[in-house]
Protein backbone atom coordinates (compact mmCIF):
# COMPACT_ATOMS: atom_id res chain seq x y z
CA MET A 1 0.07 0.06 0.29
CA ALA A 2 1.38 3.15 -0.77
CA ILE A 3 2.66 5.46 2.09
CA THR A 4 0.40 8.66 0.89
CA ALA A 5 -3.15 6.11 1.66
CA VAL A 6 -1.69 4.90 5.11
CA LEU A 7 -1.01 8.25 6.21
CA GLY A 8 -4.08 9.68 4.64
CA ASP A 9 -5.09 13.43 5.75
CA PHE A 10 -1.32 13.86 7.06
CA ALA A 11 0.19 12.62 3.73
CA PRO A 12 0.86 15.90 2.53
CA ALA A 13 3.47 16.67 5.35
CA LEU A 14 5.92 14.99 3.17
CA ARG A 15 5.96 17.66 0.58
CA LEU A 16 7.36 19.79 3.57
CA LEU A 17 10.12 17.70 3.67
CA PRO A 18 13.57 17.46 0.97
CA GLU A 19 13.48 14.72 -1.28
CA ALA A 20 16.04 12.65 0.61
CA GLU A 21 13.58 12.49 3.99
CA ARG A 22 10.66 12.08 1.79
CA SER A 23 12.31 9.01 0.73
CA ARG A 24 13.22 7.49 3.83
CA ALA A 25 9.72 8.14 5.37
CA ARG A 26 8.60 6.07 2.20
CA ALA A 27 10.99 3.30 2.78
CA LEU A 28 9.80 3.07 6.37
CA GLY A 29 6.22 3.39 5.73
CA GLY A 30 6.52 0.77 3.53
CA TYR A 31 8.41 -1.55 5.70
CA THR A 32 5.87 -0.66 8.61
CA SER A 33 3.14 -1.61 6.75
CA ALA A 34 4.39 -4.79 5.62
CA LEU A 35 4.67 -5.80 9.01
CA PHE A 36 1.61 -5.11 10.42
CA GLU A 37 0.11 -6.74 7.02
CA ARG A 38 1.60 -10.17 8.42
CA ALA A 39 0.28 -9.46 11.81
CA ARG A 40 -3.14 -9.06 10.85
CA SER A 41 -3.29 -11.80 7.98
CA GLY A 42 -6.35 -13.68 9.10
CA ASP A 43 -8.43 -11.93 11.69
CA ASP A 44 -10.95 -13.85 11.55
CA ARG A 45 -9.18 -16.49 12.64
CA GLN A 46 -7.42 -17.00 16.09
CA ASP A 47 -5.88 -20.87 16.33
CA PRO A 48 -2.55 -21.17 17.64
CA LEU A 49 -1.63 -22.51 13.89
CA ASN A 50 -2.86 -19.43 12.26
CA ARG A 51 -0.74 -17.00 14.92
CA ARG A 52 1.99 -19.15 14.14
CA ALA A 53 2.20 -18.20 10.78
CA ARG A 54 1.96 -14.62 11.23
CA LEU A 55 4.66 -15.19 13.61
CA GLU A 56 6.67 -17.03 10.52
CA SER A 57 5.68 -14.62 8.30
CA ILE A 58 6.77 -11.46 10.16
CA GLU A 59 10.09 -13.35 11.12
CA ARG A 60 10.74 -14.19 7.27
CA LEU A 61 10.66 -10.34 7.05
CA VAL A 62 12.55 -9.16 9.69
CA ASP A 63 15.29 -11.71 8.51
CA ALA A 64 15.70 -10.52 5.33
CA LEU A 65 16.09 -7.12 6.89
CA ASP A 66 18.61 -8.24 8.89
CA GLU A 67 20.85 -10.38 6.04
CA SER A 68 20.00 -6.92 3.93
CA LEU A 69 21.37 -4.37 6.46
CA ALA A 70 24.15 -6.41 7.45
CA GLY A 71 25.34 -7.00 3.82
CA LEU A 72 24.39 -10.66 3.81
CA ARG A 73 22.62 -11.27 0.94
CA GLY A 74 22.69 -14.47 -0.74
CA VAL A 75 23.79 -15.80 2.50
CA GLY A 76 20.55 -16.63 3.99
CA SER A 77 17.71 -18.48 2.22
CA ALA A 78 17.25 -15.80 0.01
CA GLY A 79 18.97 -14.18 -3.07
CA VAL A 80 19.68 -10.63 -4.00
CA GLY A 81 17.14 -10.79 -6.59
CA GLU A 82 14.50 -12.06 -4.12
CA LEU A 83 14.14 -9.47 -1.42
CA PRO A 84 10.97 -8.34 -1.12
CA ALA A 85 10.41 -4.82 -1.70
CA PRO A 86 9.77 -3.05 1.69
CA VAL A 87 13.51 -4.68 2.14
CA ARG A 88 14.99 -2.88 -0.89
CA SER A 89 13.85 0.35 -0.06
CA MET A 90 15.33 -0.30 3.39
CA GLU A 91 18.64 -1.23 2.48
CA ILE A 92 18.73 1.68 0.18
CA GLU A 93 17.92 4.26 2.40
CA HIS A 94 20.38 2.67 5.15
CA ARG A 95 23.28 3.43 2.97
CA ARG A 96 22.58 7.23 2.99
CA HIS A 97 21.27 7.07 6.42
CA PRO A 98 21.97 4.01 8.98
CA TRP A 99 18.40 3.18 10.53
CA PRO A 100 19.01 2.73 14.58
CA ARG A 101 19.02 -0.92 15.69
CA ALA A 102 16.64 -0.48 18.72
CA ALA A 103 14.01 1.58 17.35
CA LEU A 104 13.71 -1.53 14.12
CA ASP A 105 13.71 -3.91 17.30
CA GLU A 106 10.83 -2.01 18.37
CA LEU A 107 8.66 -1.74 15.28
CA ALA A 108 9.51 -5.86 15.08
CA THR A 109 8.35 -6.22 18.39
CA ALA A 110 5.13 -4.27 17.91
CA SER A 111 4.00 -6.42 15.17
CA ARG A 112 4.63 -9.72 16.76
CA HIS A 113 2.29 -8.48 19.38
CA ARG A 114 0.21 -7.14 17.25
CA ALA A 115 -0.02 -10.77 15.37
CA THR A 116 -0.49 -12.74 18.95
CA THR A 117 -2.47 -10.06 20.87
CA PRO A 118 -4.79 -8.75 18.56
CA ARG A 119 -7.00 -6.63 21.61
CA LEU A 120 -5.24 -5.20 24.52
CA GLU A 121 -7.09 -5.14 27.80
CA THR A 122 -6.87 -1.55 29.29
CA ARG A 123 -6.60 1.89 27.97
CA ARG A 124 -3.62 2.40 30.14
CA GLU A 125 -1.72 -0.57 27.94
CA TRP A 126 -3.35 0.49 24.89
CA PHE A 127 -2.06 4.15 25.47
CA SER A 128 1.21 3.06 26.19
CA ALA A 129 1.62 0.31 23.06
CA ALA A 130 0.81 3.22 21.19
CA LEU A 131 3.59 5.56 23.00
CA ARG A 132 6.48 2.95 22.58
CA PHE A 133 5.81 2.54 18.36
CA SER A 134 5.15 5.83 18.13
CA ALA A 135 9.09 6.20 20.01
CA ALA A 136 10.40 4.21 17.66
CA LEU A 137 8.55 5.34 14.24
CA ALA A 138 10.02 8.91 15.42
CA CYS A 139 13.36 7.75 16.27
CA ALA A 140 13.95 5.92 12.76
CA GLN A 141 12.75 8.25 10.74
CA LEU A 142 15.11 11.05 12.23
CA GLY A 143 17.82 8.86 13.02
CA SER A 144 18.31 9.12 17.03
CA PRO A 145 15.71 8.94 20.11
CA GLN A 146 13.65 12.13 20.13
CA PRO A 147 12.31 13.87 23.54
CA PRO A 148 8.93 12.23 24.84
CA GLU A 149 6.96 15.27 23.58
CA VAL A 150 7.46 13.92 19.94
CA ALA A 151 6.48 10.04 20.84
CA ARG A 152 3.44 11.84 22.94
CA PHE A 153 2.43 13.66 19.49
CA ALA A 154 3.06 11.01 17.22
CA ALA A 155 1.22 8.31 19.05
CA ALA A 156 -1.85 10.98 19.36
CA LEU A 157 -1.25 11.05 15.52
CA VAL A 158 -1.84 7.30 15.33
CA ARG A 159 -4.87 7.36 17.54
CA LEU A 160 -6.24 10.10 15.66
CA SER A 161 -5.92 7.80 12.24
CA MET A 162 -7.26 4.64 14.00
CA LEU A 163 -10.33 6.84 15.37
CA GLN A 164 -10.76 8.31 11.58
CA ASN A 165 -10.93 4.21 10.44
CA LEU A 166 -12.85 3.11 13.33
CA GLY A 167 -16.16 2.01 11.29
CA ALA A 168 -14.18 0.08 8.66
CA GLU A 169 -12.30 -1.96 10.92
CA LEU A 170 -15.56 -2.77 13.46
CA ASP A 171 -17.20 -4.17 9.80
CA ALA A 172 -13.99 -5.87 8.92
CA GLY A 173 -14.44 -7.70 12.42
CA ARG A 174 -11.92 -5.91 14.02
CA CYS A 175 -11.61 -3.08 16.96
CA PRO A 176 -8.41 -1.37 17.75
CA LEU A 177 -9.69 -0.31 20.92
CA SER A 178 -9.05 -1.75 24.38
CA ILE A 179 -11.30 -4.19 25.60
CA GLU A 180 -12.05 -1.66 28.62
CA GLU A 181 -13.44 0.26 26.12
CA LEU A 182 -15.56 -1.79 23.97
CA PRO A 183 -16.93 -5.50 24.17
CA ALA A 184 -14.48 -8.72 23.81
CA GLU A 185 -14.01 -10.18 20.08
CA GLY A 186 -17.12 -11.66 18.70
CA GLU A 187 -19.35 -9.51 20.24
CA LYS A 188 -20.97 -6.37 17.98
CA PRO A 189 -20.58 -3.02 20.49
CA ASP A 190 -23.15 -1.23 20.74
CA LEU A 191 -22.86 2.16 18.61
CA ARG A 192 -23.68 4.30 22.19
CA ALA A 193 -20.37 2.52 23.70
CA VAL A 194 -18.93 3.23 20.57
CA VAL A 195 -19.48 6.98 20.60
CA ALA A 196 -18.64 7.49 24.48
CA ALA A 197 -15.17 5.44 23.56
CA VAL A 198 -14.48 7.65 20.72
CA ARG A 199 -15.11 11.15 22.63
CA TYR A 200 -13.32 9.46 25.79
CA GLU A 201 -10.00 9.15 23.42
CA CYS A 202 -10.82 12.59 21.86
CA SER A 203 -10.02 14.52 25.44
CA ARG A 204 -6.94 12.09 25.86
CA LEU A 205 -5.74 13.55 22.05
CA ARG A 206 -5.73 16.96 22.55
CA PRO A 207 -2.86 17.47 25.39
CA ASP A 208 -0.98 14.70 23.51
CA LEU A 209 -1.31 16.82 20.51
CA LEU A 210 -0.21 20.26 21.55
CA ALA A 211 2.96 18.48 23.63
CA VAL A 212 4.91 19.09 20.70
CA GLY A 213 4.91 22.85 20.41
CA LYS A 214 7.60 22.74 23.69
CA ALA A 215 10.02 20.27 21.23
CA LEU A 216 9.35 21.62 17.92
CA PRO A 217 12.26 24.03 18.04
CA THR A 218 14.81 20.86 18.88
CA LEU A 219 13.76 19.84 15.42
CA PRO A 220 15.19 20.04 11.83
CA GLY A 221 13.59 22.99 9.95
CA ALA A 222 12.15 21.41 7.10
CA TYR A 223 10.60 18.91 10.25
CA GLN A 224 9.22 21.80 12.17
CA ARG A 225 7.16 22.49 8.90
CA ALA A 226 5.96 18.98 8.53
CA THR A 227 4.98 18.66 12.23
CA THR A 228 2.94 22.04 12.11
CA TYR A 229 0.75 20.47 9.59
CA LEU A 230 0.65 17.28 11.37
CA LEU A 231 -0.51 19.78 14.25
CA LEU A 232 -2.87 21.84 12.64
CA ALA A 233 -4.31 18.65 10.37
CA GLY A 234 -4.59 16.82 13.51
CA LEU A 235 -6.26 19.68 15.65
CA ARG A 236 -8.83 20.81 13.00
CA LEU A 237 -9.75 16.45 12.60
CA LEU A 238 -10.21 16.46 16.71
CA ALA A 239 -12.82 19.15 16.35
CA ASP A 240 -15.02 17.29 13.74
CA LEU A 241 -14.24 14.23 16.42
CA GLU A 242 -15.26 15.42 18.98
CA ASP A 243 -18.88 16.32 17.86
CA ALA A 244 -19.40 13.45 15.85
CA ASP A 245 -22.02 11.24 16.66
CA SER A 246 -22.46 7.45 15.14
CA LEU A 247 -22.56 8.60 11.73
CA MET A 248 -18.49 9.17 11.81
CA LEU A 249 -18.55 5.46 11.32
CA THR A 250 -19.67 5.41 7.86
CA ASP A 251 -18.61 8.31 7.08
CA PRO A 252 -15.76 9.74 9.13
CA PRO A 253 -14.32 13.67 9.20
CA ARG A 254 -11.77 13.87 6.46
CA LEU A 255 -9.78 16.97 5.05
CA GLY A 256 -10.84 18.29 1.64
CA PRO A 257 -8.50 18.88 -0.99
CA LEU A 258 -8.90 22.91 -0.33
CA THR A 259 -8.21 22.77 3.46
CA ARG A 260 -5.22 20.57 2.80
CA THR A 261 -3.75 22.99 0.55
CA MET A 262 -4.32 26.06 3.06
CA LEU A 263 -2.85 24.19 6.16
CA LEU A 264 -0.16 23.42 4.02
CA LEU A 265 -0.08 27.03 3.33
CA LYS A 266 0.03 27.97 7.01
CA ALA A 267 2.86 25.68 7.62
CA ARG A 268 5.15 27.29 5.19
CA ARG A 269 5.05 30.46 6.12
CA GLY A 270 6.69 29.03 9.61
CA ALA A 271 6.15 26.99 12.45
CA ALA A 272 6.20 29.46 15.00
CA ALA A 273 3.72 31.85 13.01
CA SER A 274 1.07 28.55 12.63
CA LEU A 275 1.05 27.59 15.89
CA ALA A 276 0.13 31.16 17.50
CA GLU A 277 -2.84 31.16 14.98
């Protein structure tokens, strides 16, 4: 799946990055998506054989990347021409700017956990998992660990995107929210419970989005502008979600082309000016 499709309303932020950083983001997004596609495969089945197949599929991809980054292509089970496309892209970017090993390990760990535990029990576990995953993404993209405010912000964007796609996930028989918030799998969630869960999530998102303001000056200039777009887009979507009812499951809030363009222009004018507005 193309990175722009994965990012949705947040994809325009890529336009504010230099080509080298956009290429890095595409590679990281493609690899991460591939991991979680394997983790979600066969979600309608939760038997031990299915879980083992998911884990084996993840391990094949992780092993291919490990061999590739270590310069061992052709030594293992896969030859040079057999590398998965996401691994080839990650290898190219690794030559330009090495990927932090710990961040890649954390992404792989998150996908393994998703493969064996589709739903977490409590809100606290869900928030913690989103924070660890987002911190790893931010570290991988920028090449080093980032301030905690950046991880909070990235996790808020992940959660916001999840709320946008909640209806489609429920229709597919999946629920990304914790069991504490909505009934266990196999039960159809009550619409009132879904709306209540969405509003609770929204109440937690705003401070996490705004937290990035403190860390913004520490980011490279292009990332400051991209982060400003992400913040402005996130706040706009959050405002729409806060007023949403059960209709948001079939018609979730989206940013129109004109709104995206206006937010891009604000971000280009400068991070401080946009945040002040």
